[in-house]
């Protein structure tokens, strides 16, 4: 066995596994306006845990988008109910 082969076998496992980790595709980040309500709530919790509060501009944008989605859902439900009453 040559010296190079011996060095390869003695290399720590972390160095050998490193190329395998790079093969995984990176997750593509979504824009705030493309997140669902569940995704927004999850992201808000993550931000609060990492930063300790929701004072950052990013956290404020998440909260505004969540409020906007909730308002749209309420408006949609109200419109459906009014249509059901007029049909009956």
PDB file of N, CA and C in Angstrom:
ATOM      1  N   UNK A   1       0.848  -1.181   0.000  1.00  0.00           N
ATOM      2  CA  UNK A   1       0.000   0.000   0.000  1.00  0.00           C
ATOM      3  C   UNK A   1       0.894   1.245   0.000  1.00  0.00           C
ATOM      4  N   UNK A   2       0.563   2.243  -0.778  1.00  0.00           N
ATOM      5  CA  UNK A   2       1.386   3.435  -0.862  1.00  0.00           C
ATOM      6  C   UNK A   2       1.096   4.359   0.322  1.00  0.00           C
ATOM      7  N   UNK A   3       1.943   5.366   0.479  1.00  0.00           N
ATOM      8  CA  UNK A   3       1.769   6.306   1.587  1.00  0.00           C
ATOM      9  C   UNK A   3       0.484   7.111   1.438  1.00  0.00           C
ATOM     10  N   UNK A   4       0.107   7.451   0.201  1.00  0.00           N
ATOM     11  CA  UNK A   4      -1.112   8.227  -0.022  1.00  0.00           C
ATOM     12  C   UNK A   4      -2.346   7.445   0.396  1.00  0.00           C
ATOM     13  N   UNK A   5      -2.392   6.162   0.073  1.00  0.00           N
ATOM     14  CA  UNK A   5      -3.518   5.313   0.468  1.00  0.00           C
ATOM     15  C   UNK A   5      -3.606   5.218   1.989  1.00  0.00           C
ATOM     16  N   UNK A   6      -2.470   5.131   2.643  1.00  0.00           N
ATOM     17  CA  UNK A   6      -2.443   5.033   4.097  1.00  0.00           C
ATOM     18  C   UNK A   6      -2.966   6.323   4.729  1.00  0.00           C
ATOM     19  N   UNK A   7      -2.619   7.462   4.145  1.00  0.00           N
ATOM     20  CA  UNK A   7      -3.088   8.749   4.669  1.00  0.00           C
ATOM     21  C   UNK A   7      -4.593   8.888   4.487  1.00  0.00           C
ATOM     22  N   UNK A   8      -5.122   8.420   3.361  1.00  0.00           N
ATOM     23  CA  UNK A   8      -6.555   8.498   3.118  1.00  0.00           C
ATOM     24  C   UNK A   8      -7.327   7.683   4.148  1.00  0.00           C
ATOM     25  N   UNK A   9      -6.798   6.526   4.480  1.00  0.00           N
ATOM     26  CA  UNK A   9      -7.473   5.669   5.446  1.00  0.00           C
ATOM     27  C   UNK A   9      -7.422   6.254   6.846  1.00  0.00           C
ATOM     28  N   UNK A  10      -6.379   7.006   7.155  1.00  0.00           N
ATOM     29  CA  UNK A  10      -6.226   7.581   8.477  1.00  0.00           C
ATOM     30  C   UNK A  10      -6.939   8.923   8.616  1.00  0.00           C
ATOM     31  N   UNK A  11      -7.448   9.467   7.551  1.00  0.00           N
ATOM     32  CA  UNK A  11      -8.115  10.763   7.603  1.00  0.00           C
ATOM     33  C   UNK A  11      -9.355  10.677   8.494  1.00  0.00           C
ATOM     34  N   UNK A  12      -9.619  11.720   9.283  1.00  0.00           N
ATOM     35  CA  UNK A  12     -10.796  11.708  10.156  1.00  0.00           C
ATOM     36  C   UNK A  12     -12.091  11.591   9.336  1.00  0.00           C
ATOM     37  N   UNK A  13     -13.128  10.962   9.890  1.00  0.00           N
ATOM     38  CA  UNK A  13     -14.385  10.770   9.153  1.00  0.00           C
ATOM     39  C   UNK A  13     -15.040  12.084   8.739  1.00  0.00           C
ATOM     40  N   UNK A  14     -14.836  13.149   9.499  1.00  0.00           N
ATOM     41  CA  UNK A  14     -15.457  14.431   9.165  1.00  0.00           C
ATOM     42  C   UNK A  14     -14.971  14.945   7.812  1.00  0.00           C
ATOM     43  N   UNK A  15     -13.689  14.742   7.535  1.00  0.00           N
ATOM     44  CA  UNK A  15     -13.156  15.216   6.264  1.00  0.00           C
ATOM     45  C   UNK A  15     -13.680  14.379   5.100  1.00  0.00           C
ATOM     46  N   UNK A  16     -13.882  13.115   5.325  1.00  0.00           N
ATOM     47  CA  UNK A  16     -14.375  12.248   4.263  1.00  0.00           C
ATOM     48  C   UNK A  16     -15.855  12.491   3.993  1.00  0.00           C
ATOM     49  N   UNK A  17     -16.634  12.851   5.010  1.00  0.00           N
ATOM     50  CA  UNK A  17     -18.078  13.034   4.868  1.00  0.00           C
ATOM     51  C   UNK A  17     -18.431  14.424   4.326  1.00  0.00           C
ATOM     52  N   UNK A  18     -17.513  15.346   4.359  1.00  0.00           N
ATOM     53  CA  UNK A  18     -17.805  16.717   3.954  1.00  0.00           C
ATOM     54  C   UNK A  18     -18.360  16.828   2.529  1.00  0.00           C
ATOM     55  N   UNK A  19     -17.802  16.150   1.532  1.00  0.00           N
ATOM     56  CA  UNK A  19     -18.355  16.277   0.187  1.00  0.00           C
ATOM     57  C   UNK A  19     -19.792  15.781   0.083  1.00  0.00           C
ATOM     58  N   UNK A  20     -20.169  14.798   0.884  1.00  0.00           N
ATOM     59  CA  UNK A  20     -21.533  14.275   0.844  1.00  0.00           C
ATOM     60  C   UNK A  20     -22.540  15.312   1.313  1.00  0.00           C
ATOM     61  N   UNK A  21     -22.162  16.123   2.301  1.00  0.00           N
ATOM     62  CA  UNK A  21     -23.061  17.143   2.830  1.00  0.00           C
ATOM     63  C   UNK A  21     -23.379  18.205   1.788  1.00  0.00           C
ATOM     64  N   UNK A  22     -22.454  18.488   0.931  1.00  0.00           N
ATOM     65  CA  UNK A  22     -22.657  19.527  -0.068  1.00  0.00           C
ATOM     66  C   UNK A  22     -23.607  19.099  -1.174  1.00  0.00           C
ATOM     67  N   UNK A  23     -23.867  17.813  -1.286  1.00  0.00           N
ATOM     68  CA  UNK A  23     -24.741  17.314  -2.344  1.00  0.00           C
ATOM     69  C   UNK A  23     -26.205  17.663  -2.102  1.00  0.00           C
ATOM     70  N   UNK A  24     -26.590  17.882  -0.833  1.00  0.00           N
ATOM     71  CA  UNK A  24     -27.976  18.213  -0.529  1.00  0.00           C
ATOM     72  C   UNK A  24     -28.291  19.608  -1.067  1.00  0.00           C
ATOM     73  N   UNK A  25     -29.404  19.759  -1.779  1.00  0.00           N
ATOM     74  CA  UNK A  25     -29.743  21.081  -2.298  1.00  0.00           C
ATOM     75  C   UNK A  25     -30.149  22.023  -1.169  1.00  0.00           C
ATOM     76  N   UNK A  26     -29.738  23.258  -1.296  1.00  0.00           N
ATOM     77  CA  UNK A  26     -30.087  24.251  -0.291  1.00  0.00           C
ATOM     78  C   UNK A  26     -31.571  24.577  -0.396  1.00  0.00           C
ATOM     79  N   UNK A  27     -32.196  24.804   0.753  1.00  0.00           N
ATOM     80  CA  UNK A  27     -33.613  25.154   0.746  1.00  0.00           C
ATOM     81  C   UNK A  27     -33.773  26.560   0.193  1.00  0.00           C
ATOM     82  N   UNK A  28     -34.723  26.715  -0.684  1.00  0.00           N
ATOM     83  CA  UNK A  28     -34.980  28.014  -1.269  1.00  0.00           C
ATOM     84  C   UNK A  28     -35.853  28.811  -0.309  1.00  0.00           C
ATOM     85  N   UNK A  29     -35.459  30.023  -0.035  1.00  0.00           N
ATOM     86  CA  UNK A  29     -36.214  30.850   0.898  1.00  0.00           C
ATOM     87  C   UNK A  29     -37.428  31.441   0.193  1.00  0.00           C
ATOM     88  N   UNK A  30     -38.537  31.477   0.914  1.00  0.00           N
ATOM     89  CA  UNK A  30     -39.761  32.068   0.373  1.00  0.00           C
ATOM     90  C   UNK A  30     -39.845  33.524   0.800  1.00  0.00           C
ATOM     91  N   UNK A  31     -40.465  34.324  -0.022  1.00  0.00           N
ATOM     92  CA  UNK A  31     -40.722  35.707   0.349  1.00  0.00           C
ATOM     93  C   UNK A  31     -41.877  35.724   1.346  1.00  0.00           C
ATOM     94  N   UNK A  32     -41.916  36.760   2.152  1.00  0.00           N
ATOM     95  CA  UNK A  32     -42.938  36.859   3.186  1.00  0.00           C
ATOM     96  C   UNK A  32     -44.339  36.780   2.597  1.00  0.00           C
ATOM     97  N   UNK A  33     -44.558  37.421   1.459  1.00  0.00           N
ATOM     98  CA  UNK A  33     -45.906  37.434   0.882  1.00  0.00           C
ATOM     99  C   UNK A  33     -46.301  36.101   0.257  1.00  0.00           C
ATOM    100  N   UNK A  34     -45.402  35.137   0.228  1.00  0.00           N
ATOM    101  CA  UNK A  34     -45.712  33.812  -0.313  1.00  0.00           C
ATOM    102  C   UNK A  34     -45.875  32.764   0.785  1.00  0.00           C
ATOM    103  N   UNK A  35     -45.658  33.147   2.047  1.00  0.00           N
ATOM    104  CA  UNK A  35     -45.784  32.215   3.156  1.00  0.00           C
ATOM    105  C   UNK A  35     -47.252  32.018   3.520  1.00  0.00           C
ATOM    106  N   UNK A  36     -47.587  30.795   3.897  1.00  0.00           N
ATOM    107  CA  UNK A  36     -48.941  30.526   4.388  1.00  0.00           C
ATOM    108  C   UNK A  36     -49.035  31.005   5.836  1.00  0.00           C
ATOM    109  N   UNK A  37     -50.245  31.000   6.370  1.00  0.00           N
ATOM    110  CA  UNK A  37     -50.444  31.439   7.748  1.00  0.00           C
ATOM    111  C   UNK A  37     -49.667  30.551   8.715  1.00  0.00           C
ATOM    112  N   UNK A  38     -49.673  29.256   8.483  1.00  0.00           N
ATOM    113  CA  UNK A  38     -48.933  28.325   9.350  1.00  0.00           C
ATOM    114  C   UNK A  38     -47.432  28.578   9.272  1.00  0.00           C
ATOM    115  N   UNK A  39     -46.938  28.811   8.069  1.00  0.00           N
ATOM    116  CA  UNK A  39     -45.508  29.081   7.892  1.00  0.00           C
ATOM    117  C   UNK A  39     -45.124  30.388   8.579  1.00  0.00           C
ATOM    118  N   UNK A  40     -46.007  31.386   8.492  1.00  0.00           N
ATOM    119  CA  UNK A  40     -45.745  32.663   9.152  1.00  0.00           C
ATOM    120  C   UNK A  40     -45.657  32.485  10.662  1.00  0.00           C
ATOM    121  N   UNK A  41     -46.600  31.752  11.233  1.00  0.00           N
ATOM    122  CA  UNK A  41     -46.593  31.540  12.677  1.00  0.00           C
ATOM    123  C   UNK A  41     -45.319  30.817  13.112  1.00  0.00           C
ATOM    124  N   UNK A  42     -44.893  29.835  12.336  1.00  0.00           N
ATOM    125  CA  UNK A  42     -43.671  29.102  12.639  1.00  0.00           C
ATOM    126  C   UNK A  42     -42.461  30.045  12.581  1.00  0.00           C
ATOM    127  N   UNK A  43     -42.417  30.872  11.550  1.00  0.00           N
ATOM    128  CA  UNK A  43     -41.304  31.808  11.368  1.00  0.00           C
ATOM    129  C   UNK A  43     -41.274  32.843  12.498  1.00  0.00           C
ATOM    130  N   UNK A  44     -42.449  33.304  12.922  1.00  0.00           N
ATOM    131  CA  UNK A  44     -42.525  34.276  14.015  1.00  0.00           C
ATOM    132  C   UNK A  44     -41.972  33.667  15.296  1.00  0.00           C
ATOM    133  N   UNK A  45     -42.321  32.411  15.576  1.00  0.00           N
ATOM    134  CA  UNK A  45     -41.802  31.739  16.766  1.00  0.00           C
ATOM    135  C   UNK A  45     -40.279  31.594  16.691  1.00  0.00           C
ATOM    136  N   UNK A  46     -39.767  31.254  15.507  1.00  0.00           N
ATOM    137  CA  UNK A  46     -38.320  31.110  15.327  1.00  0.00           C
ATOM    138  C   UNK A  46     -37.608  32.428  15.584  1.00  0.00           C
ATOM    139  N   UNK A  47     -38.159  33.502  15.036  1.00  0.00           N
ATOM    140  CA  UNK A  47     -37.544  34.820  15.195  1.00  0.00           C
ATOM    141  C   UNK A  47     -37.551  35.226  16.665  1.00  0.00           C
ATOM    142  N   UNK A  48     -38.674  34.982  17.337  1.00  0.00           N
ATOM    143  CA  UNK A  48     -38.775  35.353  18.749  1.00  0.00           C
ATOM    144  C   UNK A  48     -37.770  34.573  19.599  1.00  0.00           C
ATOM    145  N   UNK A  49     -37.578  33.300  19.284  1.00  0.00           N
ATOM    146  CA  UNK A  49     -36.618  32.492  20.035  1.00  0.00           C
ATOM    147  C   UNK A  49     -35.186  32.932  19.770  1.00  0.00           C
ATOM    148  N   UNK A  50     -34.871  33.222  18.522  1.00  0.00           N
ATOM    149  CA  UNK A  50     -33.497  33.587  18.166  1.00  0.00           C
ATOM    150  C   UNK A  50     -33.129  34.987  18.631  1.00  0.00           C
ATOM    151  N   UNK A  51     -34.058  35.938  18.448  1.00  0.00           N
ATOM    152  CA  UNK A  51     -33.752  37.337  18.750  1.00  0.00           C
ATOM    153  C   UNK A  51     -34.221  37.765  20.136  1.00  0.00           C
ATOM    154  N   UNK A  52     -35.091  36.992  20.737  1.00  0.00           N
ATOM    155  CA  UNK A  52     -35.561  37.327  22.078  1.00  0.00           C
ATOM    156  C   UNK A  52     -36.760  38.251  22.109  1.00  0.00           C
ATOM    157  N   UNK A  53     -37.103  38.849  20.989  1.00  0.00           N
ATOM    158  CA  UNK A  53     -38.279  39.727  20.935  1.00  0.00           C
ATOM    159  C   UNK A  53     -38.736  39.847  19.484  1.00  0.00           C
ATOM    160  N   UNK A  54     -39.811  40.585  19.301  1.00  0.00           N
ATOM    161  CA  UNK A  54     -40.348  40.800  17.947  1.00  0.00           C
ATOM    162  C   UNK A  54     -40.223  42.265  17.544  1.00  0.00           C
ATOM    163  N   UNK A  55     -39.162  42.898  17.974  1.00  0.00           N
ATOM    164  CA  UNK A  55     -38.970  44.324  17.681  1.00  0.00           C
ATOM    165  C   UNK A  55     -38.251  44.590  16.366  1.00  0.00           C
ATOM    166  N   UNK A  56     -37.624  43.589  15.792  1.00  0.00           N
ATOM    167  CA  UNK A  56     -36.869  43.798  14.557  1.00  0.00           C
ATOM    168  C   UNK A  56     -37.824  44.117  13.410  1.00  0.00           C
ATOM    169  N   UNK A  57     -37.312  44.742  12.382  1.00  0.00           N
ATOM    170  CA  UNK A  57     -38.152  45.087  11.229  1.00  0.00           C
ATOM    171  C   UNK A  57     -38.658  43.833  10.533  1.00  0.00           C
ATOM    172  N   UNK A  58     -37.848  42.786  10.504  1.00  0.00           N
ATOM    173  CA  UNK A  58     -38.277  41.529   9.889  1.00  0.00           C
ATOM    174  C   UNK A  58     -39.456  40.935  10.656  1.00  0.00           C
ATOM    175  N   UNK A  59     -39.355  40.921  11.987  1.00  0.00           N
ATOM    176  CA  UNK A  59     -40.444  40.395  12.815  1.00  0.00           C
ATOM    177  C   UNK A  59     -41.709  41.227  12.622  1.00  0.00           C
ATOM    178  N   UNK A  60     -41.555  42.530  12.527  1.00  0.00           N
ATOM    179  CA  UNK A  60     -42.712  43.403  12.327  1.00  0.00           C
ATOM    180  C   UNK A  60     -43.372  43.134  10.975  1.00  0.00           C
ATOM    181  N   UNK A  61     -42.572  42.883   9.952  1.00  0.00           N
ATOM    182  CA  UNK A  61     -43.125  42.554   8.639  1.00  0.00           C
ATOM    183  C   UNK A  61     -43.885  41.235   8.680  1.00  0.00           C
ATOM    184  N   UNK A  62     -43.349  40.260   9.409  1.00  0.00           N
ATOM    185  CA  UNK A  62     -44.042  38.976   9.558  1.00  0.00           C
ATOM    186  C   UNK A  62     -45.385  39.173  10.256  1.00  0.00           C
ATOM    187  N   UNK A  63     -45.393  39.974  11.312  1.00  0.00           N
ATOM    188  CA  UNK A  63     -46.632  40.212  12.056  1.00  0.00           C
ATOM    189  C   UNK A  63     -47.666  40.949  11.202  1.00  0.00           C
ATOM    190  N   UNK A  64     -47.202  41.921  10.416  1.00  0.00           N
ATOM    191  CA  UNK A  64     -48.131  42.647   9.526  1.00  0.00           C
ATOM    192  C   UNK A  64     -48.738  41.717   8.487  1.00  0.00           C
ATOM    193  N   UNK A  65     -47.919  40.838   7.927  1.00  0.00           N
ATOM    194  CA  UNK A  65     -48.420  39.899   6.924  1.00  0.00           C
ATOM    195  C   UNK A  65     -49.411  38.919   7.544  1.00  0.00           C
ATOM    196  N   UNK A  66     -49.136  38.470   8.761  1.00  0.00           N
ATOM    197  CA  UNK A  66     -50.059  37.566   9.451  1.00  0.00           C
ATOM    198  C   UNK A  66     -51.404  38.262   9.665  1.00  0.00           C
ATOM    199  N   UNK A  67     -51.353  39.501  10.116  1.00  0.00           N
ATOM    200  CA  UNK A  67     -52.590  40.271  10.329  1.00  0.00           C
ATOM    201  C   UNK A  67     -53.351  40.444   9.017  1.00  0.00           C
ATOM    202  N   UNK A  68     -52.628  40.710   7.951  1.00  0.00           N
ATOM    203  CA  UNK A  68     -53.243  40.878   6.638  1.00  0.00           C
ATOM    204  C   UNK A  68     -53.944  39.587   6.199  1.00  0.00           C
ATOM    205  N   UNK A  69     -53.296  38.447   6.387  1.00  0.00           N
ATOM    206  CA  UNK A  69     -53.903  37.168   6.012  1.00  0.00           C
ATOM    207  C   UNK A  69     -55.138  36.875   6.851  1.00  0.00           C
ATOM    208  N   UNK A  70     -55.077  37.189   8.139  1.00  0.00           N
ATOM    209  CA  UNK A  70     -56.236  36.966   9.004  1.00  0.00           C
ATOM    210  C   UNK A  70     -57.409  37.850   8.585  1.00  0.00           C
ATOM    211  N   UNK A  71     -57.122  39.104   8.230  1.00  0.00           N
ATOM    212  CA  UNK A  71     -58.180  40.007   7.770  1.00  0.00           C
ATOM    213  C   UNK A  71     -58.791  39.521   6.458  1.00  0.00           C
ATOM    214  N   UNK A  72     -57.956  39.023   5.562  1.00  0.00           N
ATOM    215  CA  UNK A  72     -58.470  38.497   4.285  1.00  0.00           C
ATOM    216  C   UNK A  72     -59.355  37.279   4.521  1.00  0.00           C
ATOM    217  N   UNK A  73     -58.959  36.421   5.460  1.00  0.00           N
ATOM    218  CA  UNK A  73     -59.751  35.225   5.762  1.00  0.00           C
ATOM    219  C   UNK A  73     -61.101  35.616   6.357  1.00  0.00           C
ATOM    220  N   UNK A  74     -61.109  36.618   7.230  1.00  0.00           N
ATOM    221  CA  UNK A  74     -62.365  37.071   7.830  1.00  0.00           C
ATOM    222  C   UNK A  74     -63.271  37.692   6.778  1.00  0.00           C
ATOM    223  N   UNK A  75     -62.708  38.470   5.890  1.00  0.00           N
ATOM    224  CA  UNK A  75     -63.485  39.096   4.828  1.00  0.00           C
ATOM    225  C   UNK A  75     -64.072  38.039   3.914  1.00  0.00           C
ATOM    226  N   UNK A  76     -63.293  37.033   3.596  1.00  0.00           N
ATOM    227  CA  UNK A  76     -63.750  35.951   2.727  1.00  0.00           C
ATOM    228  C   UNK A  76     -64.907  35.199   3.381  1.00  0.00           C
ATOM    229  N   UNK A  77     -64.784  34.909   4.663  1.00  0.00           N
ATOM    230  CA  UNK A  77     -65.847  34.201   5.378  1.00  0.00           C
ATOM    231  C   UNK A  77     -67.108  35.051   5.461  1.00  0.00           C
ATOM    232  N   UNK A  78     -66.954  36.336   5.688  1.00  0.00           N
ATOM    233  CA  UNK A  78     -68.115  37.222   5.764  1.00  0.00           C
ATOM    234  C   UNK A  78     -68.832  37.276   4.422  1.00  0.00           C
ATOM    235  N   UNK A  79     -68.070  37.316   3.340  1.00  0.00           N
ATOM    236  CA  UNK A  79     -68.666  37.342   2.004  1.00  0.00           C
ATOM    237  C   UNK A  79     -69.411  36.045   1.706  1.00  0.00           C
ATOM    238  N   UNK A  80     -68.865  34.933   2.117  1.00  0.00           N
ATOM    239  CA  UNK A  80     -69.527  33.644   1.905  1.00  0.00           C
ATOM    240  C   UNK A  80     -70.840  33.573   2.666  1.00  0.00           C
ATOM    241  N   UNK A  81     -70.838  34.066   3.897  1.00  0.00           N
ATOM    242  CA  UNK A  81     -72.054  34.022   4.706  1.00  0.00           C
ATOM    243  C   UNK A  81     -73.143  34.915   4.117  1.00  0.00           C
ATOM    244  N   UNK A  82     -72.754  36.077   3.620  1.00  0.00           N
ATOM    245  CA  UNK A  82     -73.741  36.978   3.042  1.00  0.00           C
ATOM    246  C   UNK A  82     -74.321  36.392   1.746  1.00  0.00           C
ATOM    247  N   UNK A  83     -73.500  35.674   0.984  1.00  0.00           N
ATOM    248  CA  UNK A  83     -73.987  35.029  -0.234  1.00  0.00           C
ATOM    249  C   UNK A  83     -74.932  33.887   0.115  1.00  0.00           C
ATOM    250  N   UNK A  84     -74.639  33.136   1.180  1.00  0.00           N
ATOM    251  CA  UNK A  84     -75.508  32.035   1.590  1.00  0.00           C
ATOM    252  C   UNK A  84     -76.864  32.547   2.034  1.00  0.00           C
ATOM    253  N   UNK A  85     -76.905  33.676   2.729  1.00  0.00           N
ATOM    254  CA  UNK A  85     -78.161  34.242   3.197  1.00  0.00           C
ATOM    255  C   UNK A  85     -79.013  34.739   2.022  1.00  0.00           C
ATOM    256  N   UNK A  86     -78.349  35.307   1.021  1.00  0.00           N
ATOM    257  CA  UNK A  86     -79.104  35.835  -0.124  1.00  0.00           C
ATOM    258  C   UNK A  86     -79.608  34.698  -1.017  1.00  0.00           C
ATOM    259  N   UNK A  87     -78.931  33.567  -1.014  1.00  0.00           N
ATOM    260  CA  UNK A  87     -79.369  32.404  -1.812  1.00  0.00           C
ATOM    261  C   UNK A  87     -80.568  31.707  -1.170  1.00  0.00           C
ATOM    262  N   UNK A  88     -80.667  31.757   0.152  1.00  0.00           N
ATOM    263  CA  UNK A  88     -81.667  30.994   0.890  1.00  0.00           C
ATOM    264  C   UNK A  88     -83.004  31.580   0.799  1.00  0.00           C
TER     265      UNK A  88
END
